[in-house]
Amino acid sequence: MRENEEILIHACCGPCSTASIERLLEDGWKPTIFYSDSNIYPESEFAKRYENLVLVCQHYKIPLLFEEQDHKAWLSAIHGFETEREGGKRCSRCFEYNLNRAYLKAKELGFRHFSTTLTVSRFKNSSVIFSIGEKFEGFEPIDFKKKGGFEKSCRLSKEMGLYRQQYCGCEFSLSTEF
């Protein structure tokens, strides 16, 4: 059990953040949410996910930090892996890109710990995310899928009337149905 220890949490969207925030609070963390998702396409989707994340953070009275989207930088980071299957090397590079952004923001703001809500999704391999996260000082390998996290996020997002996207986020995952 943590005693109000601060942690920066990279968040991909409002629905994934719901159960993740509840778990962090139950475990004694003091989370600050960080929306840095240059992979999200199109810009309207990026904005919609952010709007729903604002609602979640207001609901839980959790601070929210926003980073401007730089889709060109993200495309450069995954260049050469555009045709990879969903869950493959492109996704690993995307995880690394987003975790690096969170690491840099945590370091800039003096957070000793950071993690990501990406592990709540049943469509994301937590062990892959953890192996990438190990490269960054202060990364906390929290599997938000545990303790029924995915199911809880679905229930909470429905109760809160949140928009639930039908694809991971990038243009290459648009054809992948959840």
C-alpha atoms as a PDB file:
ATOM      1  CA  MET A   1       0.000   0.000   0.000  1.00  0.00           C
ATOM      2  CA  ARG A   2       1.347   3.387  -1.013  1.00  0.00           C
ATOM      3  CA  GLU A   3       0.811   6.361   1.244  1.00  0.00           C
ATOM      4  CA  ASN A   4      -0.117   9.234  -1.084  1.00  0.00           C
ATOM      5  CA  GLU A   5       2.939   8.676  -3.251  1.00  0.00           C
ATOM      6  CA  GLU A   6       2.676  10.665  -6.470  1.00  0.00           C
ATOM      7  CA  ILE A   7       2.654   8.926  -9.824  1.00  0.00           C
ATOM      8  CA  LEU A   8       2.304  10.240 -13.373  1.00  0.00           C
ATOM      9  CA  ILE A   9      -0.016   8.094 -15.478  1.00  0.00           C
ATOM     10  CA  HIS A  10       0.054   8.140 -19.259  1.00  0.00           C
ATOM     11  CA  ALA A  11      -3.593   7.813 -20.318  1.00  0.00           C
ATOM     12  CA  CYS A  12      -4.864   6.832 -23.731  1.00  0.00           C
ATOM     13  CA  CYS A  13      -8.520   7.705 -23.142  1.00  0.00           C
ATOM     14  CA  GLY A  14     -11.225   8.254 -20.540  1.00  0.00           C
ATOM     15  CA  PRO A  15     -12.643   4.710 -20.424  1.00  0.00           C
ATOM     16  CA  CYS A  16      -9.255   3.085 -19.793  1.00  0.00           C
ATOM     17  CA  SER A  17      -8.532   5.661 -17.104  1.00  0.00           C
ATOM     18  CA  THR A  18     -11.619   4.954 -14.989  1.00  0.00           C
ATOM     19  CA  ALA A  19     -10.687   1.590 -13.501  1.00  0.00           C
ATOM     20  CA  SER A  20      -6.997   2.505 -13.555  1.00  0.00           C
ATOM     21  CA  ILE A  21      -7.589   5.592 -11.411  1.00  0.00           C
ATOM     22  CA  GLU A  22      -9.770   3.644  -8.991  1.00  0.00           C
ATOM     23  CA  ARG A  23      -7.079   0.969  -8.652  1.00  0.00           C
ATOM     24  CA  LEU A  24      -4.367   3.574  -8.062  1.00  0.00           C
ATOM     25  CA  LEU A  25      -6.430   5.307  -5.392  1.00  0.00           C
ATOM     26  CA  GLU A  26      -7.224   1.970  -3.714  1.00  0.00           C
ATOM     27  CA  ASP A  27      -3.505   1.156  -3.693  1.00  0.00           C
ATOM     28  CA  GLY A  28      -2.700   4.499  -2.053  1.00  0.00           C
ATOM     29  CA  TRP A  29      -1.187   6.315  -5.032  1.00  0.00           C
ATOM     30  CA  LYS A  30      -1.758   9.989  -5.733  1.00  0.00           C
ATOM     31  CA  PRO A  31      -2.116  10.006  -9.552  1.00  0.00           C
ATOM     32  CA  THR A  32      -1.717  12.809 -12.062  1.00  0.00           C
ATOM     33  CA  ILE A  33      -2.987  11.912 -15.529  1.00  0.00           C
ATOM     34  CA  PHE A  34      -0.932  12.741 -18.621  1.00  0.00           C
ATOM     35  CA  TYR A  35      -2.620  12.827 -22.034  1.00  0.00           C
ATOM     36  CA  SER A  36       0.154  12.487 -24.597  1.00  0.00           C
ATOM     37  CA  ASP A  37      -1.085  10.451 -27.515  1.00  0.00           C
ATOM     38  CA  SER A  38       0.427  11.535 -30.795  1.00  0.00           C
ATOM     39  CA  ASN A  39      -0.582   8.182 -32.264  1.00  0.00           C
ATOM     40  CA  ILE A  40      -4.309   9.003 -32.222  1.00  0.00           C
ATOM     41  CA  TYR A  41      -5.827   9.580 -35.648  1.00  0.00           C
ATOM     42  CA  PRO A  42      -7.630  11.642 -36.875  1.00  0.00           C
ATOM     43  CA  GLU A  43      -7.346  14.880 -34.881  1.00  0.00           C
ATOM     44  CA  SER A  44     -11.084  14.769 -34.135  1.00  0.00           C
ATOM     45  CA  GLU A  45     -10.559  11.390 -32.426  1.00  0.00           C
ATOM     46  CA  PHE A  46      -7.659  12.828 -30.423  1.00  0.00           C
ATOM     47  CA  ALA A  47      -9.930  15.670 -29.258  1.00  0.00           C
ATOM     48  CA  LYS A  48     -12.866  13.366 -28.436  1.00  0.00           C
ATOM     49  CA  ARG A  49     -10.679  11.091 -26.316  1.00  0.00           C
ATOM     50  CA  TYR A  50      -9.240  14.096 -24.509  1.00  0.00           C
ATOM     51  CA  GLU A  51     -12.713  15.538 -23.814  1.00  0.00           C
ATOM     52  CA  ASN A  52     -13.758  12.262 -22.213  1.00  0.00           C
ATOM     53  CA  LEU A  53     -10.547  12.096 -20.197  1.00  0.00           C
ATOM     54  CA  VAL A  54     -11.321  15.588 -18.856  1.00  0.00           C
ATOM     55  CA  LEU A  55     -14.696  14.273 -17.637  1.00  0.00           C
ATOM     56  CA  VAL A  56     -13.039  11.333 -15.897  1.00  0.00           C
ATOM     57  CA  CYS A  57     -10.423  13.500 -14.196  1.00  0.00           C
ATOM     58  CA  GLN A  58     -13.106  15.941 -13.059  1.00  0.00           C
ATOM     59  CA  HIS A  59     -15.143  13.038 -11.673  1.00  0.00           C
ATOM     60  CA  TYR A  60     -12.219  11.730  -9.620  1.00  0.00           C
ATOM     61  CA  LYS A  61     -10.791  15.206  -8.912  1.00  0.00           C
ATOM     62  CA  ILE A  62      -7.474  14.140 -10.415  1.00  0.00           C
ATOM     63  CA  PRO A  63      -5.035  16.580 -12.084  1.00  0.00           C
ATOM     64  CA  LEU A  64      -4.753  16.272 -15.853  1.00  0.00           C
ATOM     65  CA  LEU A  65      -1.799  17.347 -17.974  1.00  0.00           C
ATOM     66  CA  PHE A  66      -2.109  17.776 -21.730  1.00  0.00           C
ATOM     67  CA  GLU A  67       0.593  17.528 -24.372  1.00  0.00           C
ATOM     68  CA  GLU A  68       0.000  18.841 -27.878  1.00  0.00           C
ATOM     69  CA  GLN A  69      -0.262  16.132 -30.463  1.00  0.00           C
ATOM     70  CA  ASP A  70       2.703  15.638 -32.811  1.00  0.00           C
ATOM     71  CA  HIS A  71       1.461  12.975 -35.194  1.00  0.00           C
ATOM     72  CA  LYS A  72       4.363  13.530 -37.604  1.00  0.00           C
ATOM     73  CA  ALA A  73       6.892  12.702 -34.859  1.00  0.00           C
ATOM     74  CA  TRP A  74       4.931   9.561 -33.979  1.00  0.00           C
ATOM     75  CA  LEU A  75       4.788   8.509 -37.651  1.00  0.00           C
ATOM     76  CA  SER A  76       8.544   8.966 -37.811  1.00  0.00           C
ATOM     77  CA  ALA A  77       8.984   6.755 -34.722  1.00  0.00           C
ATOM     78  CA  ILE A  78       6.999   3.882 -36.234  1.00  0.00           C
ATOM     79  CA  HIS A  79       8.283   4.352 -39.802  1.00  0.00           C
ATOM     80  CA  GLY A  80       8.844   1.038 -41.547  1.00  0.00           C
ATOM     81  CA  PHE A  81       6.343  -0.770 -39.322  1.00  0.00           C
ATOM     82  CA  GLU A  82       3.117   0.656 -40.735  1.00  0.00           C
ATOM     83  CA  THR A  83       1.995  -2.678 -42.217  1.00  0.00           C
ATOM     84  CA  GLU A  84       2.735  -4.744 -39.103  1.00  0.00           C
ATOM     85  CA  ARG A  85      -0.215  -6.607 -37.633  1.00  0.00           C
ATOM     86  CA  GLU A  86      -2.073  -5.125 -34.689  1.00  0.00           C
ATOM     87  CA  GLY A  87      -0.231  -6.093 -31.509  1.00  0.00           C
ATOM     88  CA  GLY A  88       3.065  -6.520 -33.365  1.00  0.00           C
ATOM     89  CA  LYS A  89       6.238  -4.485 -33.753  1.00  0.00           C
ATOM     90  CA  ARG A  90       4.421  -1.272 -34.717  1.00  0.00           C
ATOM     91  CA  CYS A  91       2.512  -1.390 -31.436  1.00  0.00           C
ATOM     92  CA  SER A  92       5.703  -2.049 -29.474  1.00  0.00           C
ATOM     93  CA  ARG A  93       7.294   1.015 -31.049  1.00  0.00           C
ATOM     94  CA  CYS A  94       4.159   3.004 -30.242  1.00  0.00           C
ATOM     95  CA  PHE A  95       4.257   1.846 -26.605  1.00  0.00           C
ATOM     96  CA  GLU A  96       7.894   2.889 -26.423  1.00  0.00           C
ATOM     97  CA  TYR A  97       7.116   6.285 -27.930  1.00  0.00           C
ATOM     98  CA  ASN A  98       4.313   6.952 -25.433  1.00  0.00           C
ATOM     99  CA  LEU A  99       6.252   5.622 -22.433  1.00  0.00           C
ATOM    100  CA  ASN A 100       9.211   7.779 -23.393  1.00  0.00           C
ATOM    101  CA  ARG A 101       6.956  10.858 -23.526  1.00  0.00           C
ATOM    102  CA  ALA A 102       5.611   9.966 -20.060  1.00  0.00           C
ATOM    103  CA  TYR A 103       9.124   9.333 -18.724  1.00  0.00           C
ATOM    104  CA  LEU A 104      10.331  12.717 -19.992  1.00  0.00           C
ATOM    105  CA  LYS A 105       7.320  14.510 -18.479  1.00  0.00           C
ATOM    106  CA  ALA A 106       7.744  12.678 -15.168  1.00  0.00           C
ATOM    107  CA  LYS A 107      11.420  13.619 -15.076  1.00  0.00           C
ATOM    108  CA  GLU A 108      10.655  17.237 -16.010  1.00  0.00           C
ATOM    109  CA  LEU A 109       8.054  17.562 -13.230  1.00  0.00           C
ATOM    110  CA  GLY A 110       9.943  15.618 -10.569  1.00  0.00           C
ATOM    111  CA  PHE A 111       7.729  12.525 -10.407  1.00  0.00           C
ATOM    112  CA  ARG A 112       9.653   9.514  -9.106  1.00  0.00           C
ATOM    113  CA  HIS A 113       7.096   7.071 -10.552  1.00  0.00           C
ATOM    114  CA  PHE A 114       5.112   6.749 -13.762  1.00  0.00           C
ATOM    115  CA  SER A 115       3.023   4.157 -15.571  1.00  0.00           C
ATOM    116  CA  THR A 116       0.336   3.818 -18.248  1.00  0.00           C
ATOM    117  CA  THR A 117      -3.336   2.897 -18.504  1.00  0.00           C
ATOM    118  CA  LEU A 118      -2.573   0.868 -21.645  1.00  0.00           C
ATOM    119  CA  THR A 119      -2.358  -2.309 -19.559  1.00  0.00           C
ATOM    120  CA  VAL A 120      -6.081  -2.199 -18.708  1.00  0.00           C
ATOM    121  CA  SER A 121      -7.041  -3.261 -22.235  1.00  0.00           C
ATOM    122  CA  ARG A 122      -7.550  -6.932 -22.916  1.00  0.00           C
ATOM    123  CA  PHE A 123      -6.170  -6.147 -26.383  1.00  0.00           C
ATOM    124  CA  LYS A 124      -2.753  -5.046 -25.063  1.00  0.00           C
ATOM    125  CA  ASN A 125      -0.026  -7.425 -23.914  1.00  0.00           C
ATOM    126  CA  SER A 126       1.020  -6.144 -20.490  1.00  0.00           C
ATOM    127  CA  SER A 127       4.266  -8.134 -20.459  1.00  0.00           C
ATOM    128  CA  VAL A 128       5.352  -6.395 -23.690  1.00  0.00           C
ATOM    129  CA  ILE A 129       4.534  -3.009 -22.159  1.00  0.00           C
ATOM    130  CA  PHE A 130       6.437  -3.934 -18.985  1.00  0.00           C
ATOM    131  CA  SER A 131       9.530  -5.070 -20.899  1.00  0.00           C
ATOM    132  CA  ILE A 132       9.566  -1.735 -22.730  1.00  0.00           C
ATOM    133  CA  GLY A 133       8.887   0.167 -19.515  1.00  0.00           C
ATOM    134  CA  GLU A 134      11.902  -1.438 -17.813  1.00  0.00           C
ATOM    135  CA  LYS A 135      14.101   0.792 -20.002  1.00  0.00           C
ATOM    136  CA  PHE A 136      12.832   3.873 -18.169  1.00  0.00           C
ATOM    137  CA  GLU A 137      13.769   4.840 -14.640  1.00  0.00           C
ATOM    138  CA  GLY A 138      10.736   5.093 -12.380  1.00  0.00           C
ATOM    139  CA  PHE A 139       8.401   2.949 -14.486  1.00  0.00           C
ATOM    140  CA  GLU A 140       5.877   1.059 -12.370  1.00  0.00           C
ATOM    141  CA  PRO A 141       4.697  -2.190 -14.003  1.00  0.00           C
ATOM    142  CA  ILE A 142       1.056  -2.033 -12.916  1.00  0.00           C
ATOM    143  CA  ASP A 143      -1.227  -4.449 -14.735  1.00  0.00           C
ATOM    144  CA  PHE A 144      -4.554  -2.639 -14.605  1.00  0.00           C
ATOM    145  CA  LYS A 145      -6.175  -5.645 -16.309  1.00  0.00           C
ATOM    146  CA  LYS A 146      -5.843  -7.536 -13.018  1.00  0.00           C
ATOM    147  CA  LYS A 147      -8.661  -7.492 -10.462  1.00  0.00           C
ATOM    148  CA  GLY A 148     -11.225  -7.294 -13.288  1.00  0.00           C
ATOM    149  CA  GLY A 149      -9.879  -3.957 -14.531  1.00  0.00           C
ATOM    150  CA  PHE A 150     -11.031  -4.239 -18.135  1.00  0.00           C
ATOM    151  CA  GLU A 151     -14.569  -5.256 -17.176  1.00  0.00           C
ATOM    152  CA  LYS A 152     -14.674  -2.513 -14.550  1.00  0.00           C
ATOM    153  CA  SER A 153     -13.538   0.097 -17.093  1.00  0.00           C
ATOM    154  CA  CYS A 154     -16.365  -0.974 -19.431  1.00  0.00           C
ATOM    155  CA  ARG A 155     -18.937  -0.737 -16.643  1.00  0.00           C
ATOM    156  CA  LEU A 156     -17.678   2.601 -15.307  1.00  0.00           C
ATOM    157  CA  SER A 157     -17.444   4.205 -18.740  1.00  0.00           C
ATOM    158  CA  LYS A 158     -21.030   3.124 -19.448  1.00  0.00           C
ATOM    159  CA  GLU A 159     -22.214   4.513 -16.091  1.00  0.00           C
ATOM    160  CA  MET A 160     -20.417   7.804 -16.817  1.00  0.00           C
ATOM    161  CA  GLY A 161     -21.721   7.979 -20.398  1.00  0.00           C
ATOM    162  CA  LEU A 162     -18.225   8.058 -21.896  1.00  0.00           C
ATOM    163  CA  TYR A 163     -17.377   7.627 -25.545  1.00  0.00           C
ATOM    164  CA  ARG A 164     -15.770   4.215 -26.127  1.00  0.00           C
ATOM    165  CA  GLN A 165     -13.667   4.068 -29.264  1.00  0.00           C
ATOM    166  CA  GLN A 166     -13.808   1.108 -31.608  1.00  0.00           C
ATOM    167  CA  TYR A 167     -10.117   0.976 -32.523  1.00  0.00           C
ATOM    168  CA  CYS A 168      -6.808   1.402 -30.744  1.00  0.00           C
ATOM    169  CA  GLY A 169      -6.081   4.853 -32.086  1.00  0.00           C
ATOM    170  CA  CYS A 170      -3.740   5.094 -35.047  1.00  0.00           C
ATOM    171  CA  GLU A 171      -4.788   5.075 -38.675  1.00  0.00           C
ATOM    172  CA  PHE A 172      -3.259   1.624 -39.062  1.00  0.00           C
ATOM    173  CA  SER A 173      -5.560   0.160 -36.415  1.00  0.00           C
ATOM    174  CA  LEU A 174      -8.758   1.647 -37.898  1.00  0.00           C
ATOM    175  CA  SER A 175      -9.710  -1.660 -39.505  1.00  0.00           C
ATOM    176  CA  THR A 176      -9.142  -3.615 -36.280  1.00  0.00           C
ATOM    177  CA  GLU A 177     -12.454  -4.183 -34.529  1.00  0.00           C
ATOM    178  CA  PHE A 178     -12.615  -4.538 -30.752  1.00  0.00           C
END
